[in-house]
Amino acid sequence: MSLGEKSLIQNYSITPQDLEMFAEYFSIIHHIDGRIRLRASAKLKKFLQENDTINPFNILEAIEASPAIKSIKFNKIIGSLTIQYDTNLFEPIYWESCIKGERLEEIAQKINLMIKEIG
């Protein structure tokens, strides 16, 4: 990651509304500690076609910069998203809560704090 990219990500702030939008378009397929697999809803494709200025994947780019995230893989063919993460830095319950639309303020603060610490 270049210094410019790192600076952009560090200045990006995830909001509870970002997480709410993320939760609206993804559901949990499978979750074990350290790895979560999500399914993108069919309405995500329609949303992306109709809203070319809003990209929910920007949230993923910011989250991926966090030291808690080991990898993020999106399979466009089947519409799944697999995230491997460090359970010592990001508790598994945060994923469950986020997808349910719960504790969004707390989760956004946790992610933003981790992003700021990458400098």
PDB file of N, CA and C in Angstrom:
ATOM      1  N   MET A   1       0.854  -1.172   0.000  1.00  0.00           N
ATOM      2  CA  MET A   1       0.000   0.000   0.000  1.00  0.00           C
ATOM      3  C   MET A   1       0.897   1.232   0.000  1.00  0.00           C
ATOM      4  N   SER A   2       0.639   2.146  -0.917  1.00  0.00           N
ATOM      5  CA  SER A   2       1.442   3.365  -1.004  1.00  0.00           C
ATOM      6  C   SER A   2       1.083   4.308   0.135  1.00  0.00           C
ATOM      7  N   LEU A   3       1.952   5.294   0.368  1.00  0.00           N
ATOM      8  CA  LEU A   3       1.682   6.278   1.418  1.00  0.00           C
ATOM      9  C   LEU A   3       0.407   7.053   1.134  1.00  0.00           C
ATOM     10  N   GLY A   4       0.155   7.366  -0.132  1.00  0.00           N
ATOM     11  CA  GLY A   4      -1.063   8.085  -0.500  1.00  0.00           C
ATOM     12  C   GLY A   4      -2.312   7.273  -0.208  1.00  0.00           C
ATOM     13  N   GLU A   5      -2.258   5.977  -0.552  1.00  0.00           N
ATOM     14  CA  GLU A   5      -3.402   5.102  -0.279  1.00  0.00           C
ATOM     15  C   GLU A   5      -3.625   4.959   1.220  1.00  0.00           C
ATOM     16  N   LYS A   6      -2.523   4.813   1.965  1.00  0.00           N
ATOM     17  CA  LYS A   6      -2.628   4.685   3.411  1.00  0.00           C
ATOM     18  C   LYS A   6      -3.240   5.937   4.016  1.00  0.00           C
ATOM     19  N   SER A   7      -2.835   7.099   3.524  1.00  0.00           N
ATOM     20  CA  SER A   7      -3.375   8.362   4.024  1.00  0.00           C
ATOM     21  C   SER A   7      -4.867   8.475   3.731  1.00  0.00           C
ATOM     22  N   LEU A   8      -5.272   8.096   2.513  1.00  0.00           N
ATOM     23  CA  LEU A   8      -6.697   8.147   2.165  1.00  0.00           C
ATOM     24  C   LEU A   8      -7.521   7.243   3.068  1.00  0.00           C
ATOM     25  N   ILE A   9      -7.019   6.045   3.309  1.00  0.00           N
ATOM     26  CA  ILE A   9      -7.746   5.103   4.154  1.00  0.00           C
ATOM     27  C   ILE A   9      -7.790   5.597   5.590  1.00  0.00           C
ATOM     28  N   GLN A  10      -6.668   6.137   6.090  1.00  0.00           N
ATOM     29  CA  GLN A  10      -6.650   6.635   7.460  1.00  0.00           C
ATOM     30  C   GLN A  10      -7.611   7.801   7.636  1.00  0.00           C
ATOM     31  N   ASN A  11      -7.843   8.564   6.592  1.00  0.00           N
ATOM     32  CA  ASN A  11      -8.757   9.698   6.676  1.00  0.00           C
ATOM     33  C   ASN A  11     -10.210   9.298   6.408  1.00  0.00           C
ATOM     34  N   TYR A  12     -10.426   8.068   5.990  1.00  0.00           N
ATOM     35  CA  TYR A  12     -11.780   7.573   5.741  1.00  0.00           C
ATOM     36  C   TYR A  12     -12.386   7.164   7.074  1.00  0.00           C
ATOM     37  N   SER A  13     -13.607   7.503   7.277  1.00  0.00           N
ATOM     38  CA  SER A  13     -14.280   7.157   8.523  1.00  0.00           C
ATOM     39  C   SER A  13     -15.558   6.385   8.206  1.00  0.00           C
ATOM     40  N   ILE A  14     -15.645   5.195   8.735  1.00  0.00           N
ATOM     41  CA  ILE A  14     -16.829   4.373   8.537  1.00  0.00           C
ATOM     42  C   ILE A  14     -17.903   4.832   9.509  1.00  0.00           C
ATOM     43  N   THR A  15     -19.106   4.997   8.993  1.00  0.00           N
ATOM     44  CA  THR A  15     -20.224   5.448   9.818  1.00  0.00           C
ATOM     45  C   THR A  15     -21.175   4.279  10.092  1.00  0.00           C
ATOM     46  N   PRO A  16     -22.002   4.412  11.106  1.00  0.00           N
ATOM     47  CA  PRO A  16     -23.029   3.386  11.324  1.00  0.00           C
ATOM     48  C   PRO A  16     -23.933   3.220  10.099  1.00  0.00           C
ATOM     49  N   GLN A  17     -24.150   4.301   9.352  1.00  0.00           N
ATOM     50  CA  GLN A  17     -24.970   4.226   8.141  1.00  0.00           C
ATOM     51  C   GLN A  17     -24.285   3.384   7.064  1.00  0.00           C
ATOM     52  N   ASP A  18     -22.946   3.473   6.979  1.00  0.00           N
ATOM     53  CA  ASP A  18     -22.198   2.615   6.046  1.00  0.00           C
ATOM     54  C   ASP A  18     -22.425   1.143   6.393  1.00  0.00           C
ATOM     55  N   LEU A  19     -22.319   0.841   7.679  1.00  0.00           N
ATOM     56  CA  LEU A  19     -22.490  -0.538   8.124  1.00  0.00           C
ATOM     57  C   LEU A  19     -23.929  -1.011   7.923  1.00  0.00           C
ATOM     58  N   GLU A  20     -24.870  -0.108   8.105  1.00  0.00           N
ATOM     59  CA  GLU A  20     -26.273  -0.441   7.881  1.00  0.00           C
ATOM     60  C   GLU A  20     -26.505  -0.799   6.407  1.00  0.00           C
ATOM     61  N   MET A  21     -25.891  -0.022   5.503  1.00  0.00           N
ATOM     62  CA  MET A  21     -26.006  -0.301   4.076  1.00  0.00           C
ATOM     63  C   MET A  21     -25.357  -1.651   3.758  1.00  0.00           C
ATOM     64  N   PHE A  22     -24.186  -1.900   4.334  1.00  0.00           N
ATOM     65  CA  PHE A  22     -23.488  -3.167   4.138  1.00  0.00           C
ATOM     66  C   PHE A  22     -24.381  -4.328   4.587  1.00  0.00           C
ATOM     67  N   ALA A  23     -24.991  -4.189   5.761  1.00  0.00           N
ATOM     68  CA  ALA A  23     -25.849  -5.242   6.310  1.00  0.00           C
ATOM     69  C   ALA A  23     -27.091  -5.473   5.455  1.00  0.00           C
ATOM     70  N   GLU A  24     -27.545  -4.429   4.798  1.00  0.00           N
ATOM     71  CA  GLU A  24     -28.737  -4.544   3.956  1.00  0.00           C
ATOM     72  C   GLU A  24     -28.493  -5.447   2.746  1.00  0.00           C
ATOM     73  N   TYR A  25     -27.248  -5.514   2.284  1.00  0.00           N
ATOM     74  CA  TYR A  25     -26.945  -6.237   1.051  1.00  0.00           C
ATOM     75  C   TYR A  25     -26.207  -7.557   1.248  1.00  0.00           C
ATOM     76  N   PHE A  26     -25.872  -7.900   2.485  1.00  0.00           N
ATOM     77  CA  PHE A  26     -25.161  -9.154   2.737  1.00  0.00           C
ATOM     78  C   PHE A  26     -25.827  -9.932   3.869  1.00  0.00           C
ATOM     79  N   SER A  27     -25.785 -11.250   3.754  1.00  0.00           N
ATOM     80  CA  SER A  27     -26.273 -12.124   4.824  1.00  0.00           C
ATOM     81  C   SER A  27     -25.204 -13.185   5.090  1.00  0.00           C
ATOM     82  N   ILE A  28     -25.231 -13.728   6.287  1.00  0.00           N
ATOM     83  CA  ILE A  28     -24.222 -14.714   6.682  1.00  0.00           C
ATOM     84  C   ILE A  28     -24.591 -16.089   6.125  1.00  0.00           C
ATOM     85  N   ILE A  29     -23.629 -16.691   5.424  1.00  0.00           N
ATOM     86  CA  ILE A  29     -23.777 -18.067   4.940  1.00  0.00           C
ATOM     87  C   ILE A  29     -23.188 -19.012   5.978  1.00  0.00           C
ATOM     88  N   HIS A  30     -21.989 -18.670   6.428  1.00  0.00           N
ATOM     89  CA  HIS A  30     -21.247 -19.531   7.347  1.00  0.00           C
ATOM     90  C   HIS A  30     -20.303 -18.666   8.159  1.00  0.00           C
ATOM     91  N   HIS A  31     -20.165 -18.985   9.437  1.00  0.00           N
ATOM     92  CA  HIS A  31     -19.271 -18.203  10.286  1.00  0.00           C
ATOM     93  C   HIS A  31     -18.642 -19.102  11.336  1.00  0.00           C
ATOM     94  N   ILE A  32     -17.322 -19.159  11.309  1.00  0.00           N
ATOM     95  CA  ILE A  32     -16.547 -19.759  12.389  1.00  0.00           C
ATOM     96  C   ILE A  32     -15.571 -18.686  12.838  1.00  0.00           C
ATOM     97  N   ASP A  33     -15.091 -18.796  14.054  1.00  0.00           N
ATOM     98  CA  ASP A  33     -14.154 -17.789  14.547  1.00  0.00           C
ATOM     99  C   ASP A  33     -12.988 -17.634  13.575  1.00  0.00           C
ATOM    100  N   GLY A  34     -12.783 -16.413  13.114  1.00  0.00           N
ATOM    101  CA  GLY A  34     -11.681 -16.109  12.214  1.00  0.00           C
ATOM    102  C   GLY A  34     -12.032 -16.108  10.737  1.00  0.00           C
ATOM    103  N   ARG A  35     -13.237 -16.580  10.402  1.00  0.00           N
ATOM    104  CA  ARG A  35     -13.630 -16.634   8.991  1.00  0.00           C
ATOM    105  C   ARG A  35     -15.146 -16.514   8.872  1.00  0.00           C
ATOM    106  N   ILE A  36     -15.571 -15.569   8.063  1.00  0.00           N
ATOM    107  CA  ILE A  36     -17.000 -15.403   7.815  1.00  0.00           C
ATOM    108  C   ILE A  36     -17.233 -15.362   6.311  1.00  0.00           C
ATOM    109  N   ARG A  37     -18.284 -16.042   5.901  1.00  0.00           N
ATOM    110  CA  ARG A  37     -18.653 -16.052   4.486  1.00  0.00           C
ATOM    111  C   ARG A  37     -20.041 -15.440   4.368  1.00  0.00           C
ATOM    112  N   LEU A  38     -20.147 -14.441   3.495  1.00  0.00           N
ATOM    113  CA  LEU A  38     -21.390 -13.700   3.321  1.00  0.00           C
ATOM    114  C   LEU A  38     -21.916 -13.877   1.906  1.00  0.00           C
ATOM    115  N   ARG A  39     -23.217 -13.787   1.768  1.00  0.00           N
ATOM    116  CA  ARG A  39     -23.862 -13.837   0.459  1.00  0.00           C
ATOM    117  C   ARG A  39     -24.362 -12.442   0.120  1.00  0.00           C
ATOM    118  N   ALA A  40     -24.026 -11.986  -1.074  1.00  0.00           N
ATOM    119  CA  ALA A  40     -24.530 -10.696  -1.552  1.00  0.00           C
ATOM    120  C   ALA A  40     -25.949 -10.911  -2.066  1.00  0.00           C
ATOM    121  N   SER A  41     -26.843 -10.018  -1.694  1.00  0.00           N
ATOM    122  CA  SER A  41     -28.233 -10.156  -2.142  1.00  0.00           C
ATOM    123  C   SER A  41     -28.356  -9.739  -3.607  1.00  0.00           C
ATOM    124  N   ALA A  42     -29.396 -10.210  -4.256  1.00  0.00           N
ATOM    125  CA  ALA A  42     -29.645  -9.856  -5.657  1.00  0.00           C
ATOM    126  C   ALA A  42     -29.875  -8.359  -5.808  1.00  0.00           C
ATOM    127  N   LYS A  43     -30.406  -7.722  -4.764  1.00  0.00           N
ATOM    128  CA  LYS A  43     -30.668  -6.288  -4.870  1.00  0.00           C
ATOM    129  C   LYS A  43     -29.382  -5.458  -4.854  1.00  0.00           C
ATOM    130  N   LEU A  44     -28.240  -6.061  -4.454  1.00  0.00           N
ATOM    131  CA  LEU A  44     -26.968  -5.336  -4.505  1.00  0.00           C
ATOM    132  C   LEU A  44     -26.597  -5.033  -5.951  1.00  0.00           C
ATOM    133  N   LYS A  45     -26.744  -6.009  -6.831  1.00  0.00           N
ATOM    134  CA  LYS A  45     -26.419  -5.803  -8.246  1.00  0.00           C
ATOM    135  C   LYS A  45     -27.267  -4.677  -8.825  1.00  0.00           C
ATOM    136  N   LYS A  46     -28.552  -4.694  -8.530  1.00  0.00           N
ATOM    137  CA  LYS A  46     -29.448  -3.646  -9.012  1.00  0.00           C
ATOM    138  C   LYS A  46     -29.044  -2.292  -8.432  1.00  0.00           C
ATOM    139  N   PHE A  47     -28.722  -2.265  -7.146  1.00  0.00           N
ATOM    140  CA  PHE A  47     -28.303  -1.028  -6.492  1.00  0.00           C
ATOM    141  C   PHE A  47     -27.057  -0.450  -7.164  1.00  0.00           C
ATOM    142  N   LEU A  48     -26.075  -1.302  -7.442  1.00  0.00           N
ATOM    143  CA  LEU A  48     -24.830  -0.847  -8.067  1.00  0.00           C
ATOM    144  C   LEU A  48     -25.067  -0.331  -9.481  1.00  0.00           C
ATOM    145  N   GLN A  49     -26.001  -0.933 -10.197  1.00  0.00           N
ATOM    146  CA  GLN A  49     -26.318  -0.473 -11.550  1.00  0.00           C
ATOM    147  C   GLN A  49     -27.006   0.888 -11.528  1.00  0.00           C
ATOM    148  N   GLU A  50     -27.829   1.122 -10.525  1.00  0.00           N
ATOM    149  CA  GLU A  50     -28.601   2.366 -10.442  1.00  0.00           C
ATOM    150  C   GLU A  50     -27.866   3.498  -9.731  1.00  0.00           C
ATOM    151  N   ASN A  51     -26.851   3.178  -8.935  1.00  0.00           N
ATOM    152  CA  ASN A  51     -26.146   4.178  -8.128  1.00  0.00           C
ATOM    153  C   ASN A  51     -24.647   4.095  -8.374  1.00  0.00           C
ATOM    154  N   ASP A  52     -24.204   4.632  -9.489  1.00  0.00           N
ATOM    155  CA  ASP A  52     -22.787   4.516  -9.830  1.00  0.00           C
ATOM    156  C   ASP A  52     -21.884   5.404  -8.977  1.00  0.00           C
ATOM    157  N   THR A  53     -22.438   6.299  -8.172  1.00  0.00           N
ATOM    158  CA  THR A  53     -21.601   7.154  -7.322  1.00  0.00           C
ATOM    159  C   THR A  53     -21.414   6.574  -5.928  1.00  0.00           C
ATOM    160  N   ILE A  54     -22.240   5.593  -5.553  1.00  0.00           N
ATOM    161  CA  ILE A  54     -22.138   4.969  -4.236  1.00  0.00           C
ATOM    162  C   ILE A  54     -21.641   3.550  -4.427  1.00  0.00           C
ATOM    163  N   ASN A  55     -20.590   3.202  -3.701  1.00  0.00           N
ATOM    164  CA  ASN A  55     -20.022   1.874  -3.838  1.00  0.00           C
ATOM    165  C   ASN A  55     -19.820   1.252  -2.463  1.00  0.00           C
ATOM    166  N   PRO A  56     -20.633   0.253  -2.100  1.00  0.00           N
ATOM    167  CA  PRO A  56     -20.466  -0.370  -0.793  1.00  0.00           C
ATOM    168  C   PRO A  56     -19.126  -1.081  -0.634  1.00  0.00           C
ATOM    169  N   PHE A  57     -18.434  -1.318  -1.738  1.00  0.00           N
ATOM    170  CA  PHE A  57     -17.134  -1.973  -1.647  1.00  0.00           C
ATOM    171  C   PHE A  57     -16.050  -1.030  -1.122  1.00  0.00           C
ATOM    172  N   ASN A  58     -16.320   0.283  -1.110  1.00  0.00           N
ATOM    173  CA  ASN A  58     -15.385   1.219  -0.478  1.00  0.00           C
ATOM    174  C   ASN A  58     -15.248   0.906   1.004  1.00  0.00           C
ATOM    175  N   ILE A  59     -16.335   0.475   1.615  1.00  0.00           N
ATOM    176  CA  ILE A  59     -16.303   0.084   3.022  1.00  0.00           C
ATOM    177  C   ILE A  59     -15.347  -1.091   3.194  1.00  0.00           C
ATOM    178  N   LEU A  60     -15.419  -2.053   2.280  1.00  0.00           N
ATOM    179  CA  LEU A  60     -14.540  -3.221   2.359  1.00  0.00           C
ATOM    180  C   LEU A  60     -13.078  -2.840   2.227  1.00  0.00           C
ATOM    181  N   GLU A  61     -12.776  -1.885   1.355  1.00  0.00           N
ATOM    182  CA  GLU A  61     -11.390  -1.438   1.195  1.00  0.00           C
ATOM    183  C   GLU A  61     -10.864  -0.853   2.493  1.00  0.00           C
ATOM    184  N   ALA A  62     -11.677  -0.071   3.163  1.00  0.00           N
ATOM    185  CA  ALA A  62     -11.256   0.516   4.438  1.00  0.00           C
ATOM    186  C   ALA A  62     -11.101  -0.565   5.499  1.00  0.00           C
ATOM    187  N   ILE A  63     -12.055  -1.482   5.552  1.00  0.00           N
ATOM    188  CA  ILE A  63     -11.982  -2.563   6.537  1.00  0.00           C
ATOM    189  C   ILE A  63     -10.762  -3.440   6.279  1.00  0.00           C
ATOM    190  N   GLU A  64     -10.464  -3.695   5.009  1.00  0.00           N
ATOM    191  CA  GLU A  64      -9.332  -4.561   4.659  1.00  0.00           C
ATOM    192  C   GLU A  64      -8.004  -3.971   5.121  1.00  0.00           C
ATOM    193  N   ALA A  65      -7.931  -2.657   5.248  1.00  0.00           N
ATOM    194  CA  ALA A  65      -6.705  -2.006   5.704  1.00  0.00           C
ATOM    195  C   ALA A  65      -6.463  -2.213   7.194  1.00  0.00           C
ATOM    196  N   SER A  66      -7.473  -2.651   7.901  1.00  0.00           N
ATOM    197  CA  SER A  66      -7.355  -2.866   9.338  1.00  0.00           C
ATOM    198  C   SER A  66      -6.427  -4.040   9.626  1.00  0.00           C
ATOM    199  N   PRO A  67      -5.627  -3.940  10.686  1.00  0.00           N
ATOM    200  CA  PRO A  67      -4.767  -5.067  11.050  1.00  0.00           C
ATOM    201  C   PRO A  67      -5.561  -6.309  11.474  1.00  0.00           C
ATOM    202  N   ALA A  68      -6.837  -6.148  11.779  1.00  0.00           N
ATOM    203  CA  ALA A  68      -7.666  -7.284  12.184  1.00  0.00           C
ATOM    204  C   ALA A  68      -8.045  -8.170  11.001  1.00  0.00           C
ATOM    205  N   ILE A  69      -7.970  -7.625   9.796  1.00  0.00           N
ATOM    206  CA  ILE A  69      -8.399  -8.361   8.608  1.00  0.00           C
ATOM    207  C   ILE A  69      -7.198  -9.008   7.925  1.00  0.00           C
ATOM    208  N   LYS A  70      -7.277 -10.308   7.756  1.00  0.00           N
ATOM    209  CA  LYS A  70      -6.207 -11.047   7.089  1.00  0.00           C
ATOM    210  C   LYS A  70      -6.417 -11.069   5.579  1.00  0.00           C
ATOM    211  N   SER A  71      -7.663 -11.263   5.149  1.00  0.00           N
ATOM    212  CA  SER A  71      -7.959 -11.255   3.717  1.00  0.00           C
ATOM    213  C   SER A  71      -9.455 -11.076   3.481  1.00  0.00           C
ATOM    214  N   ILE A  72      -9.753 -10.519   2.312  1.00  0.00           N
ATOM    215  CA  ILE A  72     -11.132 -10.394   1.848  1.00  0.00           C
ATOM    216  C   ILE A  72     -11.154 -10.879   0.405  1.00  0.00           C
ATOM    217  N   LYS A  73     -12.054 -11.815   0.119  1.00  0.00           N
ATOM    218  CA  LYS A  73     -12.186 -12.338  -1.240  1.00  0.00           C
ATOM    219  C   LYS A  73     -13.647 -12.268  -1.652  1.00  0.00           C
ATOM    220  N   PHE A  74     -13.883 -11.665  -2.820  1.00  0.00           N
ATOM    221  CA  PHE A  74     -15.244 -11.572  -3.347  1.00  0.00           C
ATOM    222  C   PHE A  74     -15.345 -12.454  -4.575  1.00  0.00           C
ATOM    223  N   ASN A  75     -16.285 -13.364  -4.565  1.00  0.00           N
ATOM    224  CA  ASN A  75     -16.538 -14.244  -5.698  1.00  0.00           C
ATOM    225  C   ASN A  75     -17.745 -13.691  -6.449  1.00  0.00           C
ATOM    226  N   LYS A  76     -17.487 -13.026  -7.568  1.00  0.00           N
ATOM    227  CA  LYS A  76     -18.559 -12.391  -8.339  1.00  0.00           C
ATOM    228  C   LYS A  76     -19.515 -13.407  -8.957  1.00  0.00           C
ATOM    229  N   ILE A  77     -19.003 -14.569  -9.290  1.00  0.00           N
ATOM    230  CA  ILE A  77     -19.830 -15.581  -9.955  1.00  0.00           C
ATOM    231  C   ILE A  77     -20.969 -16.050  -9.050  1.00  0.00           C
ATOM    232  N   ILE A  78     -20.656 -16.360  -7.807  1.00  0.00           N
ATOM    233  CA  ILE A  78     -21.711 -16.834  -6.901  1.00  0.00           C
ATOM    234  C   ILE A  78     -22.174 -15.755  -5.920  1.00  0.00           C
ATOM    235  N   GLY A  79     -21.523 -14.604  -5.960  1.00  0.00           N
ATOM    236  CA  GLY A  79     -21.948 -13.497  -5.105  1.00  0.00           C
ATOM    237  C   GLY A  79     -21.665 -13.721  -3.638  1.00  0.00           C
ATOM    238  N   SER A  80     -20.477 -14.257  -3.347  1.00  0.00           N
ATOM    239  CA  SER A  80     -20.130 -14.462  -1.945  1.00  0.00           C
ATOM    240  C   SER A  80     -18.883 -13.661  -1.586  1.00  0.00           C
ATOM    241  N   LEU A  81     -18.798 -13.347  -0.324  1.00  0.00           N
ATOM    242  CA  LEU A  81     -17.694 -12.566   0.218  1.00  0.00           C
ATOM    243  C   LEU A  81     -17.134 -13.343   1.400  1.00  0.00           C
ATOM    244  N   THR A  82     -15.839 -13.658   1.359  1.00  0.00           N
ATOM    245  CA  THR A  82     -15.199 -14.376   2.453  1.00  0.00           C
ATOM    246  C   THR A  82     -14.180 -13.459   3.108  1.00  0.00           C
ATOM    247  N   ILE A  83     -14.309 -13.312   4.413  1.00  0.00           N
ATOM    248  CA  ILE A  83     -13.411 -12.448   5.180  1.00  0.00           C
ATOM    249  C   ILE A  83     -12.738 -13.298   6.244  1.00  0.00           C
ATOM    250  N   GLN A  84     -11.405 -13.291   6.218  1.00  0.00           N
ATOM    251  CA  GLN A  84     -10.637 -13.938   7.276  1.00  0.00           C
ATOM    252  C   GLN A  84     -10.111 -12.843   8.181  1.00  0.00           C
ATOM    253  N   TYR A  85     -10.250 -13.041   9.492  1.00  0.00           N
ATOM    254  CA  TYR A  85      -9.910 -11.984  10.430  1.00  0.00           C
ATOM    255  C   TYR A  85      -9.274 -12.541  11.699  1.00  0.00           C
ATOM    256  N   ASP A  86      -8.614 -11.669  12.431  1.00  0.00           N
ATOM    257  CA  ASP A  86      -7.955 -12.011  13.688  1.00  0.00           C
ATOM    258  C   ASP A  86      -8.958 -11.825  14.821  1.00  0.00           C
ATOM    259  N   THR A  87      -9.339 -12.910  15.460  1.00  0.00           N
ATOM    260  CA  THR A  87     -10.339 -12.841  16.529  1.00  0.00           C
ATOM    261  C   THR A  87      -9.826 -12.120  17.771  1.00  0.00           C
ATOM    262  N   ASN A  88      -8.514 -11.972  17.888  1.00  0.00           N
ATOM    263  CA  ASN A  88      -7.957 -11.221  19.017  1.00  0.00           C
ATOM    264  C   ASN A  88      -8.155  -9.723  18.839  1.00  0.00           C
ATOM    265  N   LEU A  89      -8.309  -9.278  17.587  1.00  0.00           N
ATOM    266  CA  LEU A  89      -8.476  -7.851  17.305  1.00  0.00           C
ATOM    267  C   LEU A  89      -9.922  -7.469  16.993  1.00  0.00           C
ATOM    268  N   PHE A  90     -10.687  -8.417  16.483  1.00  0.00           N
ATOM    269  CA  PHE A  90     -12.077  -8.127  16.112  1.00  0.00           C
ATOM    270  C   PHE A  90     -12.929  -9.324  16.512  1.00  0.00           C
ATOM    271  N   GLU A  91     -13.732  -9.147  17.531  1.00  0.00           N
ATOM    272  CA  GLU A  91     -14.519 -10.243  18.085  1.00  0.00           C
ATOM    273  C   GLU A  91     -15.551 -10.768  17.079  1.00  0.00           C
ATOM    274  N   PRO A  92     -15.724 -12.084  17.017  1.00  0.00           N
ATOM    275  CA  PRO A  92     -16.694 -12.670  16.086  1.00  0.00           C
ATOM    276  C   PRO A  92     -18.113 -12.104  16.242  1.00  0.00           C
ATOM    277  N   ILE A  93     -18.504 -11.763  17.450  1.00  0.00           N
ATOM    278  CA  ILE A  93     -19.859 -11.245  17.680  1.00  0.00           C
ATOM    279  C   ILE A  93     -20.097  -9.932  16.936  1.00  0.00           C
ATOM    280  N   TYR A  94     -19.023  -9.185  16.646  1.00  0.00           N
ATOM    281  CA  TYR A  94     -19.189  -7.932  15.898  1.00  0.00           C
ATOM    282  C   TYR A  94     -19.768  -8.186  14.506  1.00  0.00           C
ATOM    283  N   TRP A  95     -19.317  -9.254  13.850  1.00  0.00           N
ATOM    284  CA  TRP A  95     -19.848  -9.572  12.520  1.00  0.00           C
ATOM    285  C   TRP A  95     -21.334  -9.904  12.602  1.00  0.00           C
ATOM    286  N   GLU A  96     -21.674 -10.761  13.561  1.00  0.00           N
ATOM    287  CA  GLU A  96     -23.070 -11.158  13.737  1.00  0.00           C
ATOM    288  C   GLU A  96     -23.943  -9.930  14.008  1.00  0.00           C
ATOM    289  N   SER A  97     -23.479  -9.079  14.911  1.00  0.00           N
ATOM    290  CA  SER A  97     -24.241  -7.878  15.268  1.00  0.00           C
ATOM    291  C   SER A  97     -24.383  -6.937  14.081  1.00  0.00           C
ATOM    292  N   CYS A  98     -23.308  -6.753  13.334  1.00  0.00           N
ATOM    293  CA  CYS A  98     -23.336  -5.841  12.186  1.00  0.00           C
ATOM    294  C   CYS A  98     -24.374  -6.284  11.162  1.00  0.00           C
ATOM    295  N   ILE A  99     -24.365  -7.551  10.808  1.00  0.00           N
ATOM    296  CA  ILE A  99     -25.300  -8.052   9.800  1.00  0.00           C
ATOM    297  C   ILE A  99     -26.746  -7.970  10.302  1.00  0.00           C
ATOM    298  N   LYS A 100     -26.931  -8.034  11.618  1.00  0.00           N
ATOM    299  CA  LYS A 100     -28.272  -7.888  12.201  1.00  0.00           C
ATOM    300  C   LYS A 100     -28.662  -6.419  12.370  1.00  0.00           C
ATOM    301  N   GLY A 101     -27.720  -5.506  12.092  1.00  0.00           N
ATOM    302  CA  GLY A 101     -27.997  -4.079  12.257  1.00  0.00           C
ATOM    303  C   GLY A 101     -27.916  -3.626  13.703  1.00  0.00           C
ATOM    304  N   GLU A 102     -27.177  -4.352  14.524  1.00  0.00           N
ATOM    305  CA  GLU A 102     -27.046  -4.040  15.946  1.00  0.00           C
ATOM    306  C   GLU A 102     -25.643  -3.509  16.258  1.00  0.00           C
ATOM    307  N   ARG A 103     -25.547  -2.675  17.274  1.00  0.00           N
ATOM    308  CA  ARG A 103     -24.265  -2.161  17.794  1.00  0.00           C
ATOM    309  C   ARG A 103     -23.437  -1.459  16.709  1.00  0.00           C
ATOM    310  N   LEU A 104     -24.093  -0.840  15.748  1.00  0.00           N
ATOM    311  CA  LEU A 104     -23.389  -0.259  14.601  1.00  0.00           C
ATOM    312  C   LEU A 104     -22.461   0.881  15.000  1.00  0.00           C
ATOM    313  N   GLU A 105     -22.872   1.707  15.940  1.00  0.00           N
ATOM    314  CA  GLU A 105     -22.016   2.810  16.404  1.00  0.00           C
ATOM    315  C   GLU A 105     -20.733   2.259  17.024  1.00  0.00           C
ATOM    316  N   GLU A 106     -20.871   1.283  17.885  1.00  0.00           N
ATOM    317  CA  GLU A 106     -19.721   0.658  18.550  1.00  0.00           C
ATOM    318  C   GLU A 106     -18.783  -0.004  17.537  1.00  0.00           C
ATOM    319  N   ILE A 107     -19.353  -0.710  16.581  1.00  0.00           N
ATOM    320  CA  ILE A 107     -18.551  -1.409  15.576  1.00  0.00           C
ATOM    321  C   ILE A 107     -17.828  -0.411  14.676  1.00  0.00           C
ATOM    322  N   ALA A 108     -18.517   0.645  14.261  1.00  0.00           N
ATOM    323  CA  ALA A 108     -17.883   1.680  13.431  1.00  0.00           C
ATOM    324  C   ALA A 108     -16.713   2.311  14.177  1.00  0.00           C
ATOM    325  N   GLN A 109     -16.896   2.605  15.457  1.00  0.00           N
ATOM    326  CA  GLN A 109     -15.808   3.191  16.251  1.00  0.00           C
ATOM    327  C   GLN A 109     -14.623   2.241  16.339  1.00  0.00           C
ATOM    328  N   LYS A 110     -14.884   0.962  16.554  1.00  0.00           N
ATOM    329  CA  LYS A 110     -13.819  -0.047  16.652  1.00  0.00           C
ATOM    330  C   LYS A 110     -13.030  -0.124  15.337  1.00  0.00           C
ATOM    331  N   ILE A 111     -13.737  -0.180  14.219  1.00  0.00           N
ATOM    332  CA  ILE A 111     -13.071  -0.257  12.914  1.00  0.00           C
ATOM    333  C   ILE A 111     -12.260   1.005  12.655  1.00  0.00           C
ATOM    334  N   ASN A 112     -12.846   2.161  12.918  1.00  0.00           N
ATOM    335  CA  ASN A 112     -12.145   3.428  12.679  1.00  0.00           C
ATOM    336  C   ASN A 112     -10.898   3.547  13.536  1.00  0.00           C
ATOM    337  N   LEU A 113     -10.965   3.090  14.768  1.00  0.00           N
ATOM    338  CA  LEU A 113      -9.789   3.123  15.641  1.00  0.00           C
ATOM    339  C   LEU A 113      -8.677   2.243  15.072  1.00  0.00           C
ATOM    340  N   MET A 114      -9.028   1.061  14.590  1.00  0.00           N
ATOM    341  CA  MET A 114      -8.019   0.169  14.008  1.00  0.00           C
ATOM    342  C   MET A 114      -7.413   0.768  12.743  1.00  0.00           C
ATOM    343  N   ILE A 115      -8.237   1.416  11.915  1.00  0.00           N
ATOM    344  CA  ILE A 115      -7.737   2.033  10.683  1.00  0.00           C
ATOM    345  C   ILE A 115      -6.759   3.154  11.014  1.00  0.00           C
ATOM    346  N   LYS A 116      -7.079   3.956  12.003  1.00  0.00           N
ATOM    347  CA  LYS A 116      -6.204   5.075  12.396  1.00  0.00           C
ATOM    348  C   LYS A 116      -4.855   4.572  12.903  1.00  0.00           C
ATOM    349  N   GLU A 117      -4.850   3.374  13.495  1.00  0.00           N
ATOM    350  CA  GLU A 117      -3.627   2.820  14.077  1.00  0.00           C
ATOM    351  C   GLU A 117      -2.669   2.229  13.053  1.00  0.00           C
ATOM    352  N   ILE A 118      -3.062   2.147  11.777  1.00  0.00           N
ATOM    353  CA  ILE A 118      -2.171   1.526  10.789  1.00  0.00           C
ATOM    354  C   ILE A 118      -1.007   2.425  10.403  1.00  0.00           C
ATOM    355  N   GLY A 119      -1.058   3.687  10.776  1.00  0.00           N
ATOM    356  CA  GLY A 119      -0.003   4.636  10.422  1.00  0.00           C
ATOM    357  C   GLY A 119       1.258   4.338  11.094  1.00  0.00           C
TER     358      GLY A 119
END
